[in-house]
Amino acid sequence: MTKEEIEAIIEVVSEKVHANWMQMKLDAGVTTRKLESGEELMVPYPKLSEAAKDLDRGTVRTVLSAAAELDLLK
């Protein structure tokens, strides 16, 4: 896979991670969650700033890295 293909996959998975996180918060009755900067995170992924999206991207990269270290990605 090329770097661009990997980044595209990370972006798709990050959007799904964010949607799942947001749904879990909503199910728990949480309707607002903000960064220290004041940015609202309880919005659809495309509406997040790049800095906020990087939080989800970091999660995805960490999981992919751990899966690779454990030889789960074959």
N, C-alpha and C. Protein backbone atom coordinates (compact mmCIF):
# COMPACT_ATOMS: atom_id res chain seq x y z
N MET A 1 0.83 -1.19 0.00
CA MET A 1 0.00 0.00 0.00
C MET A 1 0.87 1.24 0.00
N THR A 2 0.39 2.26 -0.69
CA THR A 2 1.12 3.52 -0.69
C THR A 2 0.78 4.31 0.58
N LYS A 3 1.60 5.31 0.86
CA LYS A 3 1.34 6.17 2.02
C LYS A 3 -0.02 6.85 1.89
N GLU A 4 -0.35 7.27 0.67
CA GLU A 4 -1.64 7.94 0.43
C GLU A 4 -2.81 7.00 0.70
N GLU A 5 -2.67 5.73 0.30
CA GLU A 5 -3.73 4.76 0.56
C GLU A 5 -3.89 4.51 2.05
N ILE A 6 -2.78 4.41 2.75
CA ILE A 6 -2.83 4.21 4.20
C ILE A 6 -3.49 5.39 4.88
N GLU A 7 -3.12 6.60 4.46
CA GLU A 7 -3.72 7.80 5.05
C GLU A 7 -5.22 7.87 4.76
N ALA A 8 -5.62 7.44 3.59
CA ALA A 8 -7.05 7.43 3.25
C ALA A 8 -7.82 6.45 4.14
N ILE A 9 -7.21 5.30 4.40
CA ILE A 9 -7.82 4.31 5.29
C ILE A 9 -7.92 4.86 6.71
N ILE A 10 -6.84 5.49 7.16
CA ILE A 10 -6.84 6.09 8.51
C ILE A 10 -7.96 7.12 8.62
N GLU A 11 -8.18 7.90 7.57
CA GLU A 11 -9.22 8.92 7.60
C GLU A 11 -10.61 8.30 7.70
N VAL A 12 -10.86 7.25 6.92
CA VAL A 12 -12.17 6.59 6.96
C VAL A 12 -12.41 5.97 8.33
N VAL A 13 -11.41 5.29 8.86
CA VAL A 13 -11.56 4.64 10.17
C VAL A 13 -11.70 5.69 11.27
N SER A 14 -10.96 6.79 11.15
CA SER A 14 -11.06 7.86 12.15
C SER A 14 -12.47 8.43 12.21
N GLU A 15 -13.09 8.59 11.06
CA GLU A 15 -14.47 9.09 11.04
C GLU A 15 -15.41 8.11 11.74
N LYS A 16 -15.19 6.82 11.52
CA LYS A 16 -16.02 5.81 12.18
C LYS A 16 -15.77 5.78 13.68
N VAL A 17 -14.51 5.92 14.08
CA VAL A 17 -14.17 5.97 15.51
C VAL A 17 -14.87 7.16 16.17
N HIS A 18 -14.83 8.31 15.52
CA HIS A 18 -15.46 9.51 16.08
C HIS A 18 -16.98 9.32 16.19
N ALA A 19 -17.58 8.77 15.15
CA ALA A 19 -19.03 8.55 15.18
C ALA A 19 -19.42 7.61 16.31
N ASN A 20 -18.63 6.55 16.51
CA ASN A 20 -18.92 5.61 17.58
C ASN A 20 -18.73 6.27 18.95
N TRP A 21 -17.64 7.03 19.11
CA TRP A 21 -17.39 7.75 20.37
C TRP A 21 -18.56 8.69 20.68
N MET A 22 -18.99 9.44 19.65
CA MET A 22 -20.08 10.39 19.84
C MET A 22 -21.38 9.67 20.21
N GLN A 23 -21.66 8.55 19.57
CA GLN A 23 -22.88 7.81 19.88
C GLN A 23 -22.85 7.26 21.30
N MET A 24 -21.70 6.77 21.73
CA MET A 24 -21.56 6.28 23.10
C MET A 24 -21.82 7.40 24.10
N LYS A 25 -21.29 8.59 23.82
CA LYS A 25 -21.52 9.74 24.70
C LYS A 25 -23.00 10.11 24.72
N LEU A 26 -23.63 10.16 23.53
CA LEU A 26 -25.05 10.49 23.47
C LEU A 26 -25.89 9.45 24.22
N ASP A 27 -25.55 8.18 24.07
CA ASP A 27 -26.27 7.11 24.77
C ASP A 27 -26.15 7.26 26.29
N ALA A 28 -25.03 7.85 26.74
CA ALA A 28 -24.81 8.06 28.16
C ALA A 28 -25.39 9.40 28.64
N GLY A 29 -26.05 10.13 27.73
CA GLY A 29 -26.69 11.38 28.10
C GLY A 29 -25.79 12.60 27.98
N VAL A 30 -24.60 12.41 27.43
CA VAL A 30 -23.67 13.53 27.25
C VAL A 30 -24.01 14.22 25.93
N THR A 31 -24.24 15.52 25.99
CA THR A 31 -24.61 16.24 24.77
C THR A 31 -23.56 17.26 24.35
N THR A 32 -22.57 17.47 25.19
CA THR A 32 -21.51 18.40 24.85
C THR A 32 -20.18 17.90 25.41
N ARG A 33 -19.14 18.10 24.65
CA ARG A 33 -17.78 17.77 25.10
C ARG A 33 -16.86 18.69 24.33
N LYS A 34 -16.05 19.43 25.06
CA LYS A 34 -15.21 20.44 24.41
C LYS A 34 -13.73 20.20 24.70
N LEU A 35 -12.92 20.62 23.74
CA LEU A 35 -11.47 20.66 23.94
C LEU A 35 -11.14 21.82 24.87
N GLU A 36 -9.91 21.83 25.36
CA GLU A 36 -9.46 22.94 26.20
C GLU A 36 -9.59 24.27 25.47
N SER A 37 -9.49 24.23 24.14
CA SER A 37 -9.61 25.44 23.33
C SER A 37 -11.05 25.94 23.25
N GLY A 38 -11.99 25.11 23.69
CA GLY A 38 -13.41 25.47 23.62
C GLY A 38 -14.13 24.88 22.42
N GLU A 39 -13.39 24.21 21.55
CA GLU A 39 -14.02 23.60 20.38
C GLU A 39 -14.94 22.46 20.79
N GLU A 40 -16.15 22.48 20.27
CA GLU A 40 -17.12 21.42 20.52
C GLU A 40 -16.74 20.17 19.74
N LEU A 41 -16.70 19.03 20.43
CA LEU A 41 -16.36 17.76 19.77
C LEU A 41 -17.58 16.92 19.40
N MET A 42 -18.73 17.26 19.95
CA MET A 42 -19.93 16.48 19.68
C MET A 42 -20.59 16.97 18.39
N VAL A 43 -19.83 16.91 17.32
CA VAL A 43 -20.30 17.28 15.98
C VAL A 43 -19.80 16.21 15.02
N PRO A 44 -20.42 16.08 13.85
CA PRO A 44 -19.93 15.10 12.88
C PRO A 44 -18.46 15.36 12.52
N TYR A 45 -17.74 14.28 12.26
CA TYR A 45 -16.31 14.34 11.96
C TYR A 45 -15.93 15.40 10.93
N PRO A 46 -16.65 15.51 9.81
CA PRO A 46 -16.25 16.51 8.81
C PRO A 46 -16.27 17.95 9.34
N LYS A 47 -17.01 18.20 10.41
CA LYS A 47 -17.11 19.56 10.95
C LYS A 47 -16.02 19.86 11.98
N LEU A 48 -15.22 18.86 12.35
CA LEU A 48 -14.15 19.07 13.32
C LEU A 48 -12.98 19.83 12.68
N SER A 49 -12.23 20.53 13.51
CA SER A 49 -10.99 21.14 13.04
C SER A 49 -9.97 20.02 12.80
N GLU A 50 -8.91 20.34 12.10
CA GLU A 50 -7.85 19.36 11.87
C GLU A 50 -7.23 18.91 13.20
N ALA A 51 -7.11 19.83 14.14
CA ALA A 51 -6.55 19.49 15.45
C ALA A 51 -7.44 18.46 16.17
N ALA A 52 -8.74 18.64 16.09
CA ALA A 52 -9.65 17.69 16.73
C ALA A 52 -9.65 16.35 15.98
N LYS A 53 -9.59 16.39 14.66
CA LYS A 53 -9.52 15.15 13.88
C LYS A 53 -8.25 14.37 14.21
N ASP A 54 -7.17 15.10 14.52
CA ASP A 54 -5.92 14.43 14.87
C ASP A 54 -6.05 13.56 16.12
N LEU A 55 -6.97 13.88 17.00
CA LEU A 55 -7.20 13.03 18.18
C LEU A 55 -7.69 11.65 17.74
N ASP A 56 -8.65 11.62 16.82
CA ASP A 56 -9.16 10.34 16.31
C ASP A 56 -8.11 9.64 15.47
N ARG A 57 -7.40 10.39 14.65
CA ARG A 57 -6.34 9.79 13.82
C ARG A 57 -5.27 9.15 14.70
N GLY A 58 -4.94 9.80 15.80
CA GLY A 58 -3.94 9.25 16.72
C GLY A 58 -4.41 7.93 17.32
N THR A 59 -5.67 7.85 17.66
CA THR A 59 -6.24 6.61 18.18
C THR A 59 -6.12 5.49 17.15
N VAL A 60 -6.49 5.79 15.93
CA VAL A 60 -6.44 4.78 14.85
C VAL A 60 -5.00 4.34 14.60
N ARG A 61 -4.09 5.29 14.54
CA ARG A 61 -2.68 4.94 14.30
C ARG A 61 -2.13 4.06 15.43
N THR A 62 -2.51 4.35 16.67
CA THR A 62 -2.05 3.56 17.81
C THR A 62 -2.59 2.13 17.73
N VAL A 63 -3.85 1.98 17.39
CA VAL A 63 -4.44 0.65 17.28
C VAL A 63 -3.79 -0.13 16.13
N LEU A 64 -3.60 0.52 14.99
CA LEU A 64 -2.96 -0.15 13.85
C LEU A 64 -1.53 -0.56 14.18
N SER A 65 -0.82 0.30 14.88
CA SER A 65 0.55 0.00 15.27
C SER A 65 0.60 -1.19 16.22
N ALA A 66 -0.29 -1.21 17.19
CA ALA A 66 -0.35 -2.33 18.14
C ALA A 66 -0.71 -3.62 17.42
N ALA A 67 -1.67 -3.55 16.50
CA ALA A 67 -2.06 -4.74 15.75
C ALA A 67 -0.89 -5.26 14.92
N ALA A 68 -0.13 -4.36 14.32
CA ALA A 68 1.04 -4.77 13.54
C ALA A 68 2.11 -5.42 14.43
N GLU A 69 2.34 -4.83 15.59
CA GLU A 69 3.33 -5.39 16.53
C GLU A 69 2.93 -6.80 16.99
N LEU A 70 1.65 -7.03 17.07
CA LEU A 70 1.14 -8.34 17.50
C LEU A 70 0.93 -9.30 16.33
N ASP A 71 1.38 -8.89 15.16
CA ASP A 71 1.25 -9.69 13.94
C ASP A 71 -0.19 -10.00 13.57
N LEU A 72 -1.08 -9.08 13.84
CA LEU A 72 -2.50 -9.28 13.54
C LEU A 72 -2.86 -8.79 12.15
N LEU A 73 -1.97 -8.06 11.50
CA LEU A 73 -2.25 -7.50 10.17
C LEU A 73 -1.51 -8.30 9.12
N LYS A 74 -2.13 -9.33 8.64
CA LYS A 74 -1.52 -10.17 7.61
C LYS A 74 -2.40 -10.27 6.40
